[in-house]
């Protein structure tokens, strides 16, 4: 018996294509003289943002380019330096990328009609979510609960703790009664790690239209 569906935010329910963080990551690296591709930028999507930057700096091509430009291999200090550029760039555009994806609002309404609770997890921080959540709500999307890595001592995806926090807040009786929906590998790992070998459906959703259609059957 499914009791709750826990959605990701950027790229799954809002900001079709995750353009806000992608743009901010690209500009943050460019500030330090290193050009990154869209493919490289999207690969770690869904992780805590500092971990995302650390993962990118660990990619072979980016690491070599960083060493060429700066004369040394990237280190944790460089993670902080890139993040220092990333965060203000993201904050400056975040309110422009909080529109619900097509059919997200309708899907949430249908799930509630079915008696299900709607939770959510994210790779954004509390401060970022304090911008996104009100903007999304104005446009019709408001889950019953949201939490960022800030609420679990920084242990964001792929750790399962944000899912557990959702379960506690929503009063879900067992992890097997949760569906986790997201669009990144980190989302899926979060769901798998929370399942602990028990049955659950963890699914990346590329199209809300297909979800809406499947719900009619």
Protein backbone atom coordinates (compact mmCIF):
# COMPACT_ATOMS: atom_id res chain seq x y z
CA UNK A 1 0.00 0.00 0.00
CA UNK A 2 1.62 3.24 -1.16
CA UNK A 3 1.17 6.04 1.37
CA UNK A 4 3.42 8.78 -0.01
CA UNK A 5 5.26 9.91 -3.11
CA UNK A 6 8.48 11.84 -2.54
CA UNK A 7 9.49 14.06 -5.45
CA UNK A 8 12.71 15.78 -6.37
CA UNK A 9 12.45 19.50 -7.17
CA UNK A 10 14.64 21.04 -9.93
CA UNK A 11 14.33 19.04 -13.13
CA UNK A 12 11.49 16.85 -11.83
CA UNK A 13 8.67 19.09 -10.62
CA UNK A 14 10.05 22.58 -11.39
CA UNK A 15 12.69 24.12 -13.67
CA UNK A 16 12.31 21.86 -16.69
CA UNK A 17 15.89 20.98 -17.66
CA UNK A 18 17.53 22.17 -14.42
CA UNK A 19 18.65 25.32 -16.22
CA UNK A 20 19.17 27.41 -13.08
CA UNK A 21 21.91 25.28 -11.47
CA UNK A 22 23.44 24.35 -14.83
CA UNK A 23 23.84 27.99 -15.77
CA UNK A 24 25.26 28.87 -12.37
CA UNK A 25 27.79 25.99 -12.43
CA UNK A 26 28.98 26.90 -15.93
CA UNK A 27 29.42 30.56 -15.00
CA UNK A 28 31.16 29.73 -11.71
CA UNK A 29 33.78 27.59 -13.45
CA UNK A 30 34.18 30.16 -16.22
CA UNK A 31 34.97 32.79 -13.57
CA UNK A 32 38.00 30.67 -12.69
CA UNK A 33 39.07 30.34 -16.30
CA UNK A 34 37.81 26.81 -16.89
CA UNK A 35 35.13 26.10 -19.50
CA UNK A 36 32.88 23.13 -18.69
CA UNK A 37 30.40 21.40 -20.97
CA UNK A 38 26.70 20.84 -20.38
CA UNK A 39 27.29 17.09 -20.29
CA UNK A 40 29.97 17.43 -17.61
CA UNK A 41 27.80 19.80 -15.62
CA UNK A 42 24.71 17.61 -15.70
CA UNK A 43 26.44 14.32 -14.84
CA UNK A 44 26.53 14.85 -11.01
CA UNK A 45 23.13 16.60 -10.95
CA UNK A 46 21.11 15.95 -7.82
CA UNK A 47 24.04 15.95 -5.42
CA UNK A 48 24.66 18.50 -2.67
CA UNK A 49 26.07 21.48 -4.56
CA UNK A 50 29.53 21.41 -2.97
CA UNK A 51 29.74 17.68 -3.72
CA UNK A 52 28.63 18.45 -7.27
CA UNK A 53 31.52 20.89 -7.70
CA UNK A 54 33.97 18.46 -6.07
CA UNK A 55 32.83 15.72 -8.47
CA UNK A 56 33.28 18.00 -11.47
CA UNK A 57 36.76 19.01 -10.35
CA UNK A 58 37.57 15.30 -10.13
CA UNK A 59 36.63 14.67 -13.76
CA UNK A 60 39.75 13.95 -15.79
CA UNK A 61 39.30 16.64 -18.44
CA UNK A 62 38.26 19.36 -16.00
CA UNK A 63 41.07 18.48 -13.57
CA UNK A 64 43.64 18.71 -16.37
CA UNK A 65 42.22 22.02 -17.57
CA UNK A 66 42.22 23.38 -14.02
CA UNK A 67 45.88 22.36 -13.64
CA UNK A 68 46.74 23.97 -16.98
CA UNK A 69 45.08 27.26 -16.01
CA UNK A 70 46.12 27.42 -12.35
CA UNK A 71 49.37 25.50 -12.40
CA UNK A 72 48.27 22.90 -9.87
CA UNK A 73 45.73 20.15 -9.37
CA UNK A 74 42.34 21.16 -7.90
CA UNK A 75 41.84 20.76 -4.15
CA UNK A 76 39.16 21.42 -1.51
CA UNK A 77 40.09 25.11 -1.40
CA UNK A 78 39.13 25.27 -5.07
CA UNK A 79 35.77 23.63 -4.29
CA UNK A 80 35.11 26.50 -1.89
CA UNK A 81 36.28 29.06 -4.45
CA UNK A 82 33.97 27.74 -7.18
CA UNK A 83 31.07 27.46 -4.74
CA UNK A 84 31.64 31.07 -3.67
CA UNK A 85 30.88 32.04 -7.28
CA UNK A 86 28.14 29.46 -7.82
CA UNK A 87 25.90 30.43 -4.91
CA UNK A 88 25.37 34.15 -5.69
CA UNK A 89 24.94 33.37 -9.39
CA UNK A 90 22.24 30.82 -8.56
CA UNK A 91 20.48 33.13 -6.10
CA UNK A 92 20.35 35.87 -8.73
CA UNK A 93 18.29 33.73 -11.13
CA UNK A 94 16.56 31.16 -8.91
CA UNK A 95 13.19 32.93 -8.78
CA UNK A 96 13.05 32.78 -12.57
CA UNK A 97 13.29 28.98 -12.61
CA UNK A 98 10.62 27.84 -10.16
CA UNK A 99 7.78 27.25 -12.59
CA UNK A 100 6.20 23.77 -12.29
CA UNK A 101 6.90 21.39 -15.16
CA UNK A 102 4.01 20.46 -17.46
CA UNK A 103 1.51 18.16 -15.68
CA UNK A 104 3.32 18.37 -12.31
CA UNK A 105 0.46 20.33 -10.72
CA UNK A 106 -2.17 18.02 -12.19
CA UNK A 107 -0.24 14.93 -11.09
CA UNK A 108 0.03 16.22 -7.52
CA UNK A 109 -3.70 16.91 -7.44
CA UNK A 110 -4.51 13.43 -8.75
CA UNK A 111 -2.23 11.80 -6.16
CA UNK A 112 -4.00 13.70 -3.39
CA UNK A 113 -7.35 12.54 -4.75
CA UNK A 114 -6.00 9.01 -4.36
CA UNK A 115 -5.28 9.73 -0.69
CA UNK A 116 -1.49 9.91 -1.05
CA UNK A 117 0.80 12.36 0.73
CA UNK A 118 3.37 14.33 -1.24
CA UNK A 119 6.87 14.83 0.10
CA UNK A 120 10.03 16.16 -1.49
CA UNK A 121 13.82 16.22 -1.29
CA UNK A 122 16.33 18.47 -3.04
CA UNK A 123 19.98 19.26 -3.60
CA UNK A 124 19.28 22.93 -2.90
CA UNK A 125 19.96 24.50 0.49
CA UNK A 126 17.29 25.92 2.82
CA UNK A 127 18.10 29.45 1.65
CA UNK A 128 17.62 28.43 -1.97
CA UNK A 129 14.40 26.60 -1.20
CA UNK A 130 13.05 29.66 0.60
CA UNK A 131 13.05 31.27 -2.85
CA UNK A 132 11.84 28.31 -4.91
CA UNK A 133 9.03 27.05 -2.64
CA UNK A 134 6.96 30.29 -2.51
CA UNK A 135 7.38 30.85 -6.24
CA UNK A 136 6.26 27.30 -7.05
CA UNK A 137 3.31 27.58 -4.66
CA UNK A 138 2.13 30.75 -6.40
CA UNK A 139 2.00 28.70 -9.60
CA UNK A 140 0.09 25.78 -8.09
CA UNK A 141 2.71 23.33 -6.84
CA UNK A 142 3.08 22.79 -3.07
CA UNK A 143 4.09 19.42 -1.58
CA UNK A 144 3.05 18.55 1.96
CA UNK A 145 6.65 18.57 3.14
CA UNK A 146 10.08 19.55 1.87
CA UNK A 147 13.55 19.21 3.29
CA UNK A 148 17.02 20.10 2.07
CA UNK A 149 20.41 18.65 3.05
CA UNK A 150 20.57 21.41 5.68
CA UNK A 151 17.87 19.56 7.61
CA UNK A 152 19.91 16.35 7.82
CA UNK A 153 23.30 17.77 8.85
CA UNK A 154 24.43 18.10 5.25
CA UNK A 155 23.89 14.41 4.48
CA UNK A 156 22.01 14.95 1.23
CA UNK A 157 21.66 12.60 -1.70
CA UNK A 158 22.65 9.82 -2.18
CA UNK A 159 22.22 9.38 1.59
CA UNK A 160 18.65 8.30 2.47
CA UNK A 161 18.11 10.63 5.42
CA UNK A 162 15.92 13.19 3.65
CA UNK A 163 13.54 10.38 2.72
CA UNK A 164 13.44 9.22 6.33
CA UNK A 165 12.70 12.81 7.43
CA UNK A 166 9.80 12.89 4.95
CA UNK A 167 8.46 9.62 6.32
CA UNK A 168 8.54 10.94 9.87
CA UNK A 169 6.88 14.26 8.96
CA UNK A 170 4.20 12.63 6.81
CA UNK A 171 3.53 9.75 9.19
CA UNK A 172 4.41 7.00 6.72
CA UNK A 173 4.40 3.59 8.38
CA UNK A 174 7.10 1.79 6.37
CA UNK A 175 9.72 2.53 3.74
CA UNK A 176 8.11 -0.03 1.42
CA UNK A 177 5.10 2.29 1.25
CA UNK A 178 7.09 5.13 -0.30
CA UNK A 179 7.68 5.96 -3.97
CA UNK A 180 10.69 8.16 -4.73
CA UNK A 181 10.55 10.09 -8.01
CA UNK A 182 13.48 11.96 -9.52
CA UNK A 183 15.41 12.66 -12.70
CA UNK A 184 19.02 12.01 -11.67
CA UNK A 185 21.24 9.11 -10.65
CA UNK A 186 21.54 10.69 -7.20
CA UNK A 187 17.75 10.56 -6.85
CA UNK A 188 17.71 6.88 -7.67
CA UNK A 189 20.58 6.11 -5.30
CA UNK A 190 18.78 8.03 -2.57
CA UNK A 191 15.73 5.85 -3.09
CA UNK A 192 17.68 2.60 -3.28
CA UNK A 193 19.65 3.44 -0.13
CA UNK A 194 16.44 4.22 1.75
CA UNK A 195 14.82 0.97 0.61
CA UNK A 196 17.46 -1.16 2.36
CA UNK A 197 16.57 -4.15 0.20
CA UNK A 198 12.83 -3.88 0.76
CA UNK A 199 10.32 -3.40 -2.05
CA UNK A 200 9.77 0.13 -3.32
CA UNK A 201 9.46 1.83 -6.67
CA UNK A 202 12.28 4.23 -7.49
CA UNK A 203 11.84 5.81 -10.89
CA UNK A 204 13.34 8.63 -12.90
CA UNK A 205 10.55 10.42 -14.74
CA UNK A 206 11.43 12.13 -18.06
CA UNK A 207 7.87 13.08 -18.94
CA UNK A 208 4.97 14.07 -16.69
CA UNK A 209 2.66 13.44 -19.61
CA UNK A 210 3.53 9.73 -19.48
CA UNK A 211 2.94 9.66 -15.73
CA UNK A 212 -0.42 11.33 -16.12
CA UNK A 213 -1.40 8.85 -18.81
CA UNK A 214 -0.35 5.85 -16.71
CA UNK A 215 -2.39 7.11 -13.76
CA UNK A 216 -5.57 6.88 -15.80
CA UNK A 217 -5.22 3.07 -15.95
